[in-house]
Amino acid sequence: MDIRQLSYFVAVYEQGSVSAAARQCCVAQPSLSAALRQLEQELGVTLFIRLPKGVTPTEDGEKLYGHAGRLLSQLQSLKASFSEPVARVKFRLGLIRALGVERMSQLLREFSNSVPGLELHLVEPDEPCDARIITPQLLKAGEAFAPIWHDNYLLALPPGAPLSLQQQIALEDFEQLPLIKRTPCDAWNTLYPELVRRGIKADIRADIQTIEYALGLVSAGVGCALVPNFDSLLQRQDIVLRPVAQLRLQREIGLAYAKNQDSASLAVLRQLCQPAR
């Protein structure tokens, strides 16, 4: 086992795709795949389940990710300790919830690697900060907004649910449908008023905040929940995802910052956000 193999493993884990990880690591895909196979052979485990679209980590893969991340971070710290000291650059970034672990991890890693001496603080979006990743609805006066991602929402259903046999879910199907309410959620703010207007009463089983808990309840068969169409969710086998007909359940995510603010670190972050659109 070597650092190169662990770096490739972390890239595949965070990208959810061998080809995307190869592009990120600037290496040929066969070489990366060979290194990953060698790592699995040395550990005697399977780290990823290969799917038609990408990969998903096994339990052993999840376990290794925590160890690998800490090891690579320690290695970076070790190298930095022998480098010329650089001035610390503090940057406070406000984040709303449910942004997607994979894409946010990649963006924050690239930001940290691109600004020497960066001391990144992740805070709630309503706290004082240098920039925020938010929806346009949370934009404040005097802020500029640069779009990054555009998410569509799907309805997550337990496997075997009768509605999972349908290709899409009609609004009438929500009548007495066991539903996990998640707030704050842009899709819920669109769906719920429309259900009320039509006199459709869903069976609210829980009111929670995080996507992870919502998906856990869906997988357990407690109810259904609206979730963004993250690539990692599309690959899960313990839930079924279906679009909701008659409504556009969408959200826009972007970088917000004060129009009169000008700093080198913010310029780097703005540049990094552009390719993610």
Protein backbone atom coordinates (compact mmCIF):
# COMPACT_ATOMS: atom_id res chain seq x y z
CA MET A 1 0.00 0.00 0.00
CA ASP A 2 1.35 3.45 -0.89
CA ILE A 3 0.27 7.08 -0.87
CA ARG A 4 -0.47 7.05 -4.59
CA GLN A 5 -2.99 4.21 -4.18
CA LEU A 6 -4.67 5.96 -1.26
CA SER A 7 -4.85 9.23 -3.21
CA TYR A 8 -6.51 7.44 -6.12
CA PHE A 9 -8.90 5.69 -3.72
CA VAL A 10 -9.95 8.99 -2.10
CA ALA A 11 -10.49 10.56 -5.53
CA VAL A 12 -12.74 7.66 -6.65
CA TYR A 13 -14.66 7.78 -3.36
CA GLU A 14 -15.33 11.53 -3.60
CA GLN A 15 -16.02 11.57 -7.34
CA GLY A 16 -18.17 8.43 -7.32
CA SER A 17 -16.59 7.52 -10.65
CA VAL A 18 -13.30 5.96 -11.76
CA SER A 19 -13.18 8.02 -14.96
CA ALA A 20 -13.85 11.29 -13.13
CA ALA A 21 -11.19 10.41 -10.54
CA ALA A 22 -8.68 9.68 -13.32
CA ARG A 23 -9.31 13.12 -14.82
CA GLN A 24 -8.90 14.77 -11.44
CA CYS A 25 -5.63 12.92 -10.74
CA CYS A 26 -4.35 13.52 -14.32
CA VAL A 27 -3.72 9.81 -14.81
CA ALA A 28 -4.91 7.27 -17.38
CA GLN A 29 -8.01 5.41 -16.25
CA PRO A 30 -6.45 1.92 -16.71
CA SER A 31 -3.53 2.92 -14.47
CA LEU A 32 -5.86 4.18 -11.76
CA SER A 33 -8.05 1.07 -12.00
CA ALA A 34 -4.98 -1.15 -11.72
CA ALA A 35 -3.76 0.70 -8.62
CA LEU A 36 -7.22 0.37 -7.07
CA ARG A 37 -7.33 -3.38 -7.75
CA GLN A 38 -3.88 -3.79 -6.23
CA LEU A 39 -5.02 -1.93 -3.12
CA GLU A 40 -8.07 -4.19 -2.79
CA GLN A 41 -5.86 -7.27 -3.18
CA GLU A 42 -3.42 -6.07 -0.53
CA LEU A 43 -6.22 -5.38 1.94
CA GLY A 44 -8.19 -8.48 0.96
CA VAL A 45 -11.45 -6.53 0.64
CA THR A 46 -13.71 -5.00 -2.00
CA LEU A 47 -13.73 -1.21 -1.69
CA PHE A 48 -16.33 -0.28 -4.30
CA ILE A 49 -19.38 -1.79 -5.91
CA ARG A 50 -19.26 -1.18 -9.65
CA LEU A 51 -22.55 0.19 -11.00
CA PRO A 52 -23.72 1.03 -14.54
CA LYS A 53 -23.07 4.68 -13.69
CA GLY A 54 -20.08 5.06 -11.40
CA VAL A 55 -19.27 3.26 -8.18
CA THR A 56 -20.51 3.22 -4.60
CA PRO A 57 -18.30 2.44 -1.58
CA THR A 58 -18.71 -0.78 0.39
CA GLU A 59 -18.60 -0.84 4.19
CA ASP A 60 -14.85 -1.50 3.95
CA GLY A 61 -14.55 1.42 1.54
CA GLU A 62 -16.29 3.72 4.02
CA LYS A 63 -13.91 2.51 6.75
CA LEU A 64 -10.80 3.08 4.64
CA TYR A 65 -11.93 6.56 3.56
CA GLY A 66 -11.72 7.87 7.12
CA HIS A 67 -8.25 6.43 7.64
CA ALA A 68 -6.98 7.50 4.21
CA GLY A 69 -8.23 11.06 4.62
CA ARG A 70 -6.47 11.47 7.95
CA LEU A 71 -3.26 9.91 6.62
CA LEU A 72 -3.13 12.13 3.53
CA SER A 73 -3.85 15.19 5.67
CA GLN A 74 -1.03 14.26 8.05
CA LEU A 75 1.31 13.81 5.10
CA GLN A 76 0.45 17.27 3.80
CA SER A 77 1.09 18.70 7.25
CA LEU A 78 4.43 16.91 7.41
CA LYS A 79 5.51 18.35 4.07
CA ALA A 80 4.32 21.80 5.09
CA SER A 81 6.38 21.68 8.29
CA PHE A 82 9.57 21.65 6.16
CA SER A 83 8.41 24.43 3.86
CA GLU A 84 8.90 28.14 4.24
CA PRO A 85 6.23 29.53 6.57
CA VAL A 86 3.45 31.37 4.79
CA ALA A 87 1.10 34.00 6.09
CA ARG A 88 -2.20 32.59 7.31
CA VAL A 89 -5.22 33.65 5.26
CA LYS A 90 -8.47 33.41 7.19
CA PHE A 91 -11.60 32.91 5.15
CA ARG A 92 -15.10 32.39 6.54
CA LEU A 93 -17.45 30.57 4.17
CA GLY A 94 -21.14 30.31 4.99
CA LEU A 95 -22.88 27.13 3.81
CA ILE A 96 -26.51 26.15 3.70
CA ARG A 97 -27.33 22.50 4.37
CA ALA A 98 -27.78 19.67 1.87
CA LEU A 99 -25.22 20.88 -0.68
CA GLY A 100 -23.93 17.42 -1.56
CA VAL A 101 -20.92 15.95 0.24
CA GLU A 102 -19.02 14.86 -2.87
CA ARG A 103 -19.11 18.09 -4.84
CA MET A 104 -18.57 20.30 -1.77
CA SER A 105 -15.59 18.18 -0.65
CA GLN A 106 -14.00 18.59 -4.07
CA LEU A 107 -14.62 22.34 -4.19
CA LEU A 108 -13.27 22.95 -0.68
CA ARG A 109 -10.22 20.78 -1.30
CA GLU A 110 -9.39 22.67 -4.50
CA PHE A 111 -9.89 25.99 -2.71
CA SER A 112 -7.60 24.97 0.16
CA ASN A 113 -4.94 23.72 -2.25
CA SER A 114 -5.11 26.88 -4.37
CA VAL A 115 -4.63 29.45 -1.58
CA PRO A 116 -1.32 29.10 0.31
CA GLY A 117 -1.81 29.42 4.06
CA LEU A 118 -5.60 29.28 3.82
CA GLU A 119 -7.36 28.90 7.17
CA LEU A 120 -10.88 28.00 6.14
CA HIS A 121 -13.77 28.38 8.59
CA LEU A 122 -17.14 26.89 7.61
CA VAL A 123 -20.03 28.69 9.31
CA GLU A 124 -23.78 29.04 9.14
CA PRO A 125 -24.87 31.28 6.24
CA ASP A 126 -26.41 33.88 8.55
CA GLU A 127 -23.13 34.42 10.42
CA PRO A 128 -20.55 37.06 9.41
CA CYS A 129 -18.52 35.60 6.54
CA ASP A 130 -16.46 36.46 3.47
CA ALA A 131 -18.71 34.56 1.06
CA ARG A 132 -21.71 32.25 1.17
CA ILE A 133 -22.93 29.30 -0.87
CA ILE A 134 -26.69 29.72 -0.82
CA THR A 135 -29.89 29.84 -2.88
CA PRO A 136 -30.96 33.14 -4.49
CA GLN A 137 -33.80 33.44 -1.95
CA LEU A 138 -31.23 34.07 0.81
CA LEU A 139 -29.40 36.80 -1.09
CA LYS A 140 -28.87 40.04 0.86
CA ALA A 141 -28.82 43.61 -0.40
CA GLY A 142 -25.41 44.52 -1.75
CA GLU A 143 -24.43 40.94 -2.59
CA ALA A 144 -23.51 39.55 -6.00
CA PHE A 145 -24.62 36.04 -6.92
CA ALA A 146 -22.73 33.64 -9.21
CA PRO A 147 -24.62 30.39 -10.02
CA ILE A 148 -22.74 27.14 -9.41
CA TRP A 149 -25.18 24.21 -9.50
CA HIS A 150 -28.74 23.60 -10.60
CA ASP A 151 -30.55 20.75 -8.82
CA ASN A 152 -33.78 18.99 -9.70
CA TYR A 153 -35.74 17.28 -6.93
CA LEU A 154 -37.07 13.73 -7.00
CA LEU A 155 -39.32 11.80 -4.69
CA ALA A 156 -37.44 9.07 -2.80
CA LEU A 157 -39.61 6.02 -2.08
CA PRO A 158 -38.94 2.82 -0.14
CA PRO A 159 -38.13 -0.18 -2.36
CA GLY A 160 -41.27 -2.17 -3.05
CA ALA A 161 -43.62 0.78 -2.50
CA PRO A 162 -46.60 0.62 -4.92
CA LEU A 163 -45.74 4.03 -6.37
CA SER A 164 -42.23 2.82 -7.26
CA LEU A 165 -43.81 0.94 -10.16
CA GLN A 166 -44.81 4.24 -11.76
CA GLN A 167 -42.43 6.22 -13.95
CA GLN A 168 -43.51 9.48 -12.34
CA ILE A 169 -45.59 10.59 -9.37
CA ALA A 170 -48.76 12.63 -9.90
CA LEU A 171 -49.86 15.20 -7.33
CA GLU A 172 -52.99 13.13 -6.67
CA ASP A 173 -50.72 10.29 -5.52
CA PHE A 174 -49.76 12.38 -2.47
CA GLU A 175 -53.23 11.90 -0.95
CA GLN A 176 -52.54 10.16 2.41
CA LEU A 177 -49.03 9.29 1.19
CA PRO A 178 -46.64 8.73 4.13
CA LEU A 179 -44.28 11.68 3.74
CA ILE A 180 -41.11 12.84 5.45
CA LYS A 181 -41.17 16.63 5.65
CA ARG A 182 -37.72 18.21 5.43
CA THR A 183 -37.19 21.88 6.23
CA PRO A 184 -35.69 24.08 5.05
CA CYS A 185 -36.25 22.72 1.54
CA ASP A 186 -36.98 24.69 -1.63
CA ALA A 187 -38.89 21.79 -3.17
CA TRP A 188 -41.11 21.42 -0.11
CA ASN A 189 -41.90 25.16 -0.27
CA THR A 190 -43.17 24.59 -3.81
CA LEU A 191 -44.95 21.26 -3.30
CA TYR A 192 -46.79 21.83 -0.04
CA PRO A 193 -48.72 25.01 -1.04
CA GLU A 194 -49.82 23.25 -4.24
CA LEU A 195 -51.09 20.26 -2.29
CA VAL A 196 -53.03 22.59 0.01
CA ARG A 197 -54.48 24.47 -2.95
CA ARG A 198 -55.74 21.19 -4.43
CA GLY A 199 -57.07 19.90 -1.13
CA ILE A 200 -54.60 17.00 -1.09
CA LYS A 201 -53.59 15.85 2.40
CA ALA A 202 -50.37 13.87 2.75
CA ASP A 203 -49.66 11.83 5.87
CA ILE A 204 -46.71 13.67 7.47
CA ARG A 205 -44.72 11.08 9.42
CA ALA A 206 -41.69 13.18 10.42
CA ASP A 207 -40.28 16.71 10.22
CA ILE A 208 -36.48 16.78 10.04
CA GLN A 209 -33.68 18.91 8.59
CA THR A 210 -31.03 16.72 6.99
CA ILE A 211 -31.16 14.67 3.79
CA GLU A 212 -29.26 11.84 5.49
CA TYR A 213 -31.95 11.34 8.16
CA ALA A 214 -34.69 11.66 5.57
CA LEU A 215 -33.12 8.96 3.41
CA GLY A 216 -32.68 6.75 6.45
CA LEU A 217 -36.39 6.95 7.17
CA VAL A 218 -37.23 6.30 3.52
CA SER A 219 -34.95 3.25 3.43
CA ALA A 220 -36.61 1.98 6.62
CA GLY A 221 -40.03 2.25 5.00
CA VAL A 222 -41.34 5.07 7.22
CA GLY A 223 -42.31 7.31 4.30
CA CYS A 224 -41.22 9.19 1.18
CA ALA A 225 -39.11 12.36 0.92
CA LEU A 226 -38.09 14.99 -1.61
CA VAL A 227 -34.32 14.93 -2.31
CA PRO A 228 -31.99 16.61 -4.84
CA ASN A 229 -30.82 14.48 -7.75
CA PHE A 230 -27.24 14.06 -6.47
CA ASP A 231 -25.25 11.46 -8.42
CA SER A 232 -24.55 9.53 -5.21
CA LEU A 233 -28.29 9.17 -4.54
CA LEU A 234 -29.01 7.96 -8.06
CA GLN A 235 -26.71 5.00 -7.41
CA ARG A 236 -28.30 3.87 -4.14
CA GLN A 237 -30.08 0.52 -4.10
CA ASP A 238 -32.09 1.03 -0.90
CA ILE A 239 -34.35 3.75 -2.30
CA VAL A 240 -36.30 4.38 -5.52
CA LEU A 241 -36.28 7.86 -7.08
CA ARG A 242 -39.13 9.16 -9.22
CA PRO A 243 -39.88 12.64 -10.66
CA VAL A 244 -42.99 14.51 -9.58
CA ALA A 245 -45.25 15.43 -12.51
CA GLN A 246 -47.02 18.78 -12.90
CA LEU A 247 -44.47 20.72 -10.84
CA ARG A 248 -40.94 22.02 -11.41
CA LEU A 249 -39.17 21.16 -8.19
CA GLN A 250 -35.80 22.82 -8.60
CA ARG A 251 -33.25 24.97 -6.83
CA GLU A 252 -30.26 27.04 -7.83
CA ILE A 253 -27.09 27.10 -5.73
CA GLY A 254 -24.56 29.86 -6.08
CA LEU A 255 -21.74 31.85 -4.53
CA ALA A 256 -22.81 35.08 -2.84
CA TYR A 257 -20.37 37.80 -1.82
CA ALA A 258 -20.37 41.54 -1.13
CA LYS A 259 -20.14 43.51 -4.35
CA ASN A 260 -17.54 45.87 -2.86
CA GLN A 261 -15.37 43.02 -1.56
CA ASP A 262 -12.10 42.32 -3.33
CA SER A 263 -9.59 39.77 -2.03
CA ALA A 264 -7.23 37.29 -3.65
CA SER A 265 -8.82 34.31 -1.88
CA LEU A 266 -12.32 35.32 -2.98
CA ALA A 267 -11.09 35.70 -6.57
CA VAL A 268 -9.73 32.14 -6.42
CA LEU A 269 -13.01 30.79 -5.03
CA ARG A 270 -15.01 32.60 -7.73
CA GLN A 271 -12.78 31.09 -10.39
CA LEU A 272 -13.12 27.58 -8.94
CA CYS A 273 -16.90 27.87 -8.86
CA GLN A 274 -17.15 28.62 -12.58
CA PRO A 275 -16.32 25.12 -13.97
CA ALA A 276 -18.84 23.53 -11.59
CA ARG A 277 -21.78 25.18 -13.35
